Amino acid sequence: MINRQTFDEGFPGPGLAELNESIAAFHKSRPSLWSLPLESVRKARREGAGVFAAPRADPAAREASVQGRGGHAIPLRILTPQSGTARGTYLHFHGGGWVFGEPVENDERLRALCEEARLAVVSVGYRLAPEHPFPAAPEDCEDAALALAGGRIEGVPAEGLLIGGESAGAHLAVLTLVRLRDGHGLAPFRAANLIAGCYDLSLTPSARNWGEERLVLNTEDLKELVLRFVPESYGLHDPKVSPLFADLKGLPPALFTVGTRDPLLDDTLFMATRWLSAGNAATLSVWTGGCHVFQFFDAPASRSANAEATRFLMDALGEDRAA
């Protein structure tokens, strides 16, 4: 059972109340994303002029690519441990609502994971909407996963595989697992790290009822992002679009993490329950007062949540953790 006290907003995780106040104040001082040209919003995100800090590119990151099914190059950003040989590889999909974001934004967090867990990290630069709407992003993620599992990404292990992402990236991670199972009979990943995913693109109750307050996301944002990502020819309840409705049998153990001040709270609560009911192992980690992807900000609770995810991935390697 979920502890009812987890949802008592009078006792937020360390530093999260102050974080939420600063994020809300920031958004109130800025125009709506949807009143600005799309490319200007992307540029602001790259420069740290949005709610997230400017990316700090890892000087040791390596750029690579794999070929997508359409013949295009799928960019990859690769980190490898500087402290020894990698024990496995974490395939990562960035967030940004399928419309924004790029792998470099995650360098700092992924470098910490890389060194602590002794993992190689491959972050996928999948195609973004609306220029490349669904199913472009899931196809790119599937093709990258096939390349990794097939040993076609140079310099990273093709065994001890883990998968994950945040927000839209968590959605793409689940779709990738289902696509590998259904399209290829493959289950190469030992565990999934799923942070604040959007699993029902028709919007769960928490997303629909959130309203106008913007703590990274609000209801309008989610509707606008889905509108740009999913063409009208696809139904939002289609399991290929919204994995909450998919057959989830035979998927790996997953850590589901979300904050109680996230419009996508229900997505995680519902998906974790369905994951378990399908016979898979699931760990649910709910952080009181956490906003959407609070792990990206500097707060004690954020550092604790990131450490929890690192431990989960290390534990998934079992005996492979030994040096």
Protein backbone atom coordinates (compact mmCIF):
# COMPACT_ATOMS: atom_id res chain seq x y z
CA MET A 1 0.00 0.00 0.00
CA ILE A 2 1.10 3.55 -0.68
CA ASN A 3 1.72 5.51 2.51
CA ARG A 4 -0.90 8.27 2.74
CA GLN A 5 1.61 10.55 4.48
CA THR A 6 3.64 10.59 1.27
CA PHE A 7 1.01 12.93 -0.14
CA ASP A 8 1.02 15.30 2.82
CA GLU A 9 2.37 18.47 1.25
CA GLY A 10 3.15 19.83 4.71
CA PHE A 11 6.21 17.59 4.83
CA PRO A 12 8.04 17.90 1.51
CA GLY A 13 11.40 16.31 0.82
CA PRO A 14 14.50 18.31 1.78
CA GLY A 15 14.79 21.45 -0.30
CA LEU A 16 11.76 20.73 -2.50
CA ALA A 17 9.43 23.44 -1.14
CA GLU A 18 12.04 26.11 -1.80
CA LEU A 19 12.75 24.64 -5.21
CA ASN A 20 9.06 24.72 -6.17
CA GLU A 21 8.74 28.34 -5.08
CA SER A 22 11.69 29.38 -7.22
CA ILE A 23 10.43 27.45 -10.27
CA ALA A 24 6.91 28.87 -9.96
CA ALA A 25 8.28 32.41 -9.63
CA PHE A 26 10.50 31.90 -12.67
CA HIS A 27 7.60 30.76 -14.83
CA LYS A 28 5.40 33.68 -13.71
CA SER A 29 8.08 36.08 -14.94
CA ARG A 30 8.20 34.50 -18.41
CA PRO A 31 5.71 34.27 -21.28
CA SER A 32 4.08 30.97 -22.13
CA LEU A 33 6.27 28.66 -24.25
CA TRP A 34 3.50 28.51 -26.81
CA SER A 35 3.56 32.25 -27.47
CA LEU A 36 7.11 31.99 -28.81
CA PRO A 37 8.62 30.44 -31.94
CA LEU A 38 9.61 26.84 -31.33
CA GLU A 39 13.24 27.31 -32.30
CA SER A 40 13.64 30.26 -29.94
CA VAL A 41 12.47 28.06 -27.06
CA ARG A 42 14.95 25.38 -28.07
CA LYS A 43 17.72 27.97 -28.25
CA ALA A 44 16.82 29.34 -24.80
CA ARG A 45 16.96 25.82 -23.40
CA ARG A 46 20.43 25.28 -24.86
CA GLU A 47 21.62 28.57 -23.38
CA GLY A 48 20.14 28.00 -19.94
CA ALA A 49 17.63 30.82 -20.34
CA GLY A 50 14.74 28.50 -19.50
CA VAL A 51 13.91 26.80 -16.22
CA PHE A 52 16.85 24.39 -16.55
CA ALA A 53 20.47 25.43 -16.17
CA ALA A 54 22.63 25.61 -19.27
CA PRO A 55 24.08 22.20 -20.19
CA ARG A 56 27.63 21.59 -19.03
CA ALA A 57 29.15 19.49 -21.78
CA ASP A 58 31.37 16.67 -20.57
CA PRO A 59 34.78 17.10 -22.27
CA ALA A 60 35.28 13.34 -22.33
CA ALA A 61 31.96 12.59 -24.06
CA ARG A 62 32.24 10.93 -27.46
CA GLU A 63 29.91 11.56 -30.40
CA ALA A 64 28.84 8.62 -32.55
CA SER A 65 25.85 7.50 -34.58
CA VAL A 66 23.96 4.48 -35.80
CA GLN A 67 21.94 4.23 -38.98
CA GLY A 68 18.18 4.46 -38.64
CA ARG A 69 15.80 2.37 -40.69
CA GLY A 70 15.23 5.31 -43.04
CA GLY A 71 18.93 5.61 -43.79
CA HIS A 72 19.41 8.67 -41.57
CA ALA A 73 22.03 8.94 -38.83
CA ILE A 74 20.82 8.68 -35.22
CA PRO A 75 23.23 10.70 -33.03
CA LEU A 76 24.61 9.09 -29.89
CA ARG A 77 26.43 10.71 -26.99
CA ILE A 78 28.68 8.22 -25.21
CA LEU A 79 30.28 8.39 -21.78
CA THR A 80 32.62 5.70 -20.48
CA PRO A 81 34.06 5.37 -16.96
CA GLN A 82 37.38 7.05 -16.33
CA SER A 83 37.83 4.89 -13.22
CA GLY A 84 38.01 1.51 -14.93
CA THR A 85 36.33 -0.85 -17.37
CA ALA A 86 32.57 -0.52 -17.82
CA ARG A 87 30.52 -3.38 -16.35
CA GLY A 88 27.57 -2.73 -18.57
CA THR A 89 25.82 -0.08 -20.65
CA TYR A 90 22.94 2.22 -19.78
CA LEU A 91 20.84 3.25 -22.81
CA HIS A 92 19.36 6.65 -22.04
CA PHE A 93 16.58 8.68 -23.64
CA HIS A 94 16.36 12.37 -22.75
CA GLY A 95 13.21 14.28 -21.83
CA GLY A 96 11.69 17.38 -23.36
CA GLY A 97 8.18 16.37 -24.33
CA TRP A 98 9.29 14.79 -27.65
CA VAL A 99 9.72 18.38 -28.91
CA PHE A 100 12.66 19.77 -26.94
CA GLY A 101 15.90 18.49 -25.46
CA GLU A 102 19.13 16.82 -26.53
CA PRO A 103 21.54 14.34 -24.96
CA VAL A 104 24.14 16.91 -23.85
CA GLU A 105 21.67 18.29 -21.29
CA ASN A 106 22.22 15.18 -19.20
CA ASP A 107 26.02 15.03 -19.24
CA GLU A 108 26.52 16.03 -15.61
CA ARG A 109 23.99 13.58 -14.18
CA LEU A 110 25.04 10.78 -16.51
CA ARG A 111 28.74 11.29 -15.76
CA ALA A 112 28.00 10.80 -12.06
CA LEU A 113 26.11 7.59 -12.86
CA CYS A 114 28.86 6.45 -15.21
CA GLU A 115 31.56 6.74 -12.55
CA GLU A 116 29.58 5.56 -9.53
CA ALA A 117 28.07 2.50 -11.21
CA ARG A 118 30.97 1.84 -13.60
CA LEU A 119 28.61 1.94 -16.56
CA ALA A 120 29.06 3.12 -20.11
CA VAL A 121 26.21 5.46 -21.04
CA VAL A 122 24.73 5.86 -24.51
CA SER A 123 22.28 8.76 -24.79
CA VAL A 124 20.19 8.82 -27.96
CA GLY A 125 19.53 11.95 -30.01
CA TYR A 126 16.21 10.77 -31.43
CA ARG A 127 14.31 12.91 -33.94
CA LEU A 128 12.04 15.57 -32.47
CA ALA A 129 8.48 16.60 -33.28
CA PRO A 130 6.79 18.41 -34.90
CA GLU A 131 9.36 18.14 -37.70
CA HIS A 132 9.44 14.39 -37.14
CA PRO A 133 6.20 13.28 -35.46
CA PHE A 134 5.33 9.85 -34.09
CA PRO A 135 6.55 7.19 -34.82
CA ALA A 136 9.93 8.79 -35.65
CA ALA A 137 11.22 9.01 -32.06
CA PRO A 138 10.21 5.45 -31.04
CA GLU A 139 11.72 4.09 -34.25
CA ASP A 140 15.03 5.83 -33.55
CA CYS A 141 15.08 4.55 -29.97
CA GLU A 142 14.28 1.02 -31.13
CA ASP A 143 17.01 1.15 -33.79
CA ALA A 144 19.56 2.42 -31.25
CA ALA A 145 18.59 -0.36 -28.83
CA LEU A 146 18.97 -2.99 -31.55
CA ALA A 147 22.40 -1.62 -32.44
CA LEU A 148 23.49 -1.72 -28.79
CA ALA A 149 22.17 -5.24 -28.18
CA GLY A 150 23.77 -6.39 -31.43
CA GLY A 151 27.20 -5.11 -30.44
CA ARG A 152 27.21 -2.45 -33.17
CA ILE A 153 28.11 0.51 -30.96
CA GLU A 154 31.86 0.63 -30.68
CA GLY A 155 33.54 0.98 -27.31
CA VAL A 156 30.64 0.00 -25.02
CA PRO A 157 29.61 -3.40 -23.62
CA ALA A 158 26.79 -5.23 -25.37
CA GLU A 159 26.05 -7.16 -22.16
CA GLY A 160 24.86 -5.97 -18.77
CA LEU A 161 22.37 -3.71 -20.51
CA LEU A 162 20.12 -1.23 -18.70
CA ILE A 163 17.62 1.29 -20.07
CA GLY A 164 15.91 4.44 -18.86
CA GLY A 165 14.97 8.05 -19.26
CA GLU A 166 12.98 10.88 -17.80
CA SER A 167 9.60 12.31 -18.83
CA ALA A 168 9.24 11.72 -22.59
CA GLY A 169 12.40 9.62 -22.32
CA ALA A 170 10.73 7.25 -19.85
CA HIS A 171 7.80 6.92 -22.25
CA LEU A 172 10.23 6.07 -25.07
CA ALA A 173 12.08 3.59 -22.89
CA VAL A 174 8.90 1.62 -22.22
CA LEU A 175 7.90 1.71 -25.90
CA THR A 176 11.38 0.45 -26.78
CA LEU A 177 11.07 -2.52 -24.42
CA VAL A 178 7.69 -3.44 -25.89
CA ARG A 179 8.91 -2.99 -29.49
CA LEU A 180 11.94 -5.22 -28.89
CA ARG A 181 9.75 -7.92 -27.35
CA ASP A 182 6.98 -7.82 -29.96
CA GLY A 183 8.97 -7.04 -33.09
CA HIS A 184 12.15 -9.01 -32.45
CA GLY A 185 11.52 -11.47 -29.60
CA LEU A 186 14.25 -9.73 -27.62
CA ALA A 187 14.55 -8.88 -23.93
CA PRO A 188 18.16 -7.66 -23.64
CA PHE A 189 17.75 -5.18 -20.78
CA ARG A 190 18.11 -6.20 -17.15
CA ALA A 191 16.33 -3.20 -15.63
CA ALA A 192 14.58 0.06 -16.46
CA ASN A 193 15.02 3.39 -14.67
CA LEU A 194 11.80 5.32 -15.39
CA ILE A 195 11.59 8.90 -14.09
CA ALA A 196 8.30 10.83 -14.25
CA GLY A 197 7.16 9.27 -17.50
CA CYS A 198 4.12 10.19 -19.57
CA TYR A 199 2.51 6.83 -20.31
CA ASP A 200 -1.03 7.88 -21.28
CA LEU A 201 -0.95 10.58 -23.93
CA SER A 202 -4.71 11.09 -23.63
CA LEU A 203 -3.71 12.45 -20.16
CA THR A 204 -4.30 10.79 -16.82
CA PRO A 205 -6.48 12.54 -14.19
CA SER A 206 -3.56 14.24 -12.46
CA ALA A 207 -2.40 15.69 -15.79
CA ARG A 208 -5.88 16.80 -16.86
CA ASN A 209 -6.75 18.33 -13.50
CA TRP A 210 -3.42 20.02 -12.77
CA GLY A 211 -4.45 23.38 -14.21
CA GLU A 212 -2.46 26.50 -15.00
CA GLU A 213 0.29 26.45 -12.35
CA ARG A 214 3.53 25.68 -14.11
CA LEU A 215 6.08 23.66 -12.12
CA VAL A 216 8.16 22.80 -15.18
CA LEU A 217 4.91 21.50 -16.74
CA ASN A 218 1.20 22.27 -16.59
CA THR A 219 -1.90 20.89 -18.30
CA GLU A 220 -1.62 23.22 -21.29
CA ASP A 221 1.99 22.19 -21.87
CA LEU A 222 1.13 18.50 -21.94
CA LYS A 223 -1.72 19.03 -24.39
CA GLU A 224 0.45 21.16 -26.67
CA LEU A 225 3.32 18.68 -26.62
CA VAL A 226 1.07 15.72 -27.44
CA LEU A 227 -0.55 17.75 -30.23
CA ARG A 228 2.85 18.27 -31.85
CA PHE A 229 4.03 14.70 -31.31
CA VAL A 230 1.07 12.52 -32.32
CA PRO A 231 -0.57 12.92 -35.74
CA GLU A 232 -4.37 12.81 -35.92
CA SER A 233 -4.17 9.45 -37.69
CA TYR A 234 -3.17 7.78 -34.42
CA GLY A 235 -5.46 7.26 -31.45
CA LEU A 236 -4.08 8.41 -28.13
CA HIS A 237 -5.28 5.18 -26.48
CA ASP A 238 -3.40 3.08 -29.02
CA PRO A 239 -0.92 0.95 -27.02
CA LYS A 240 1.73 1.78 -29.61
CA VAL A 241 1.35 5.45 -28.58
CA SER A 242 0.41 5.18 -24.89
CA PRO A 243 2.16 2.21 -23.27
CA LEU A 244 -0.10 2.33 -20.21
CA PHE A 245 -2.53 0.37 -22.40
CA ALA A 246 0.05 -2.10 -23.73
CA ASP A 247 0.62 -5.73 -22.82
CA LEU A 248 3.46 -5.38 -20.31
CA LYS A 249 4.26 -9.04 -19.72
CA GLY A 250 7.88 -10.13 -19.74
CA LEU A 251 9.42 -6.72 -19.13
CA PRO A 252 12.41 -6.17 -16.81
CA PRO A 253 12.38 -4.93 -13.21
CA ALA A 254 11.74 -1.19 -13.13
CA LEU A 255 12.23 1.69 -10.73
CA PHE A 256 9.40 4.21 -11.10
CA THR A 257 10.21 7.61 -9.60
CA VAL A 258 7.93 10.66 -9.39
CA GLY A 259 7.18 13.63 -7.15
CA THR A 260 3.77 14.40 -5.69
CA ARG A 261 3.84 17.89 -7.25
CA ASP A 262 4.16 16.50 -10.77
CA PRO A 263 1.22 16.66 -13.21
CA LEU A 264 2.32 13.20 -14.36
CA LEU A 265 1.96 11.67 -10.89
CA ASP A 266 -0.87 9.37 -11.94
CA ASP A 267 1.09 8.12 -14.94
CA THR A 268 3.71 6.66 -12.63
CA LEU A 269 1.23 5.36 -10.04
CA PHE A 270 -0.85 3.67 -12.72
CA MET A 271 2.07 2.28 -14.72
CA ALA A 272 3.85 0.87 -11.68
CA THR A 273 0.66 -0.96 -10.73
CA ARG A 274 0.18 -2.34 -14.24
CA TRP A 275 3.86 -3.36 -14.34
CA LEU A 276 3.36 -5.42 -11.19
CA SER A 277 0.05 -6.90 -12.32
CA ALA A 278 1.76 -8.08 -15.52
CA GLY A 279 4.10 -10.17 -13.39
CA ASN A 280 7.13 -7.91 -13.51
CA ALA A 281 9.14 -6.55 -10.59
CA ALA A 282 8.55 -2.88 -9.82
CA THR A 283 9.80 -0.44 -7.22
CA LEU A 284 7.76 2.72 -6.71
CA SER A 285 9.57 5.77 -5.33
CA VAL A 286 7.29 8.76 -4.63
CA TRP A 287 8.88 11.96 -3.33
CA THR A 288 6.67 14.31 -1.32
CA GLY A 289 6.66 17.76 -2.88
CA GLY A 290 8.78 16.81 -5.87
CA CYS A 291 8.01 18.73 -9.07
CA HIS A 292 8.40 17.27 -12.55
CA VAL A 293 11.94 15.87 -12.97
CA PHE A 294 13.05 17.49 -9.71
CA GLN A 295 16.20 15.37 -10.03
CA PHE A 296 17.56 17.93 -12.50
CA PHE A 297 17.74 20.67 -9.87
CA ASP A 298 20.07 21.26 -6.94
CA ALA A 299 18.24 20.11 -3.81
CA PRO A 300 19.08 17.50 -1.16
CA ALA A 301 16.08 15.38 -2.17
CA SER A 302 17.19 15.52 -5.80
CA ARG A 303 20.61 14.17 -4.92
CA SER A 304 19.02 11.41 -2.84
CA ALA A 305 16.69 10.40 -5.66
CA ASN A 306 19.57 10.27 -8.14
CA ALA A 307 21.58 8.15 -5.70
CA GLU A 308 18.61 5.79 -5.35
CA ALA A 309 18.45 5.32 -9.12
CA THR A 310 22.18 4.64 -9.27
CA ARG A 311 21.88 1.96 -6.56
CA PHE A 312 18.96 0.37 -8.39
CA LEU A 313 20.94 0.08 -11.62
CA MET A 314 24.01 -1.23 -9.82
CA ASP A 315 21.93 -3.86 -8.04
CA ALA A 316 20.45 -4.95 -11.35
CA LEU A 317 23.91 -6.04 -12.46
CA GLY A 318 24.10 -8.49 -9.57
CA GLU A 319 27.44 -10.29 -9.43
CA ASP A 320 28.68 -8.13 -12.28
CA ARG A 321 29.11 -5.33 -9.73
CA ALA A 322 32.27 -7.02 -8.48
CA ALA A 323 35.46 -5.38 -9.72
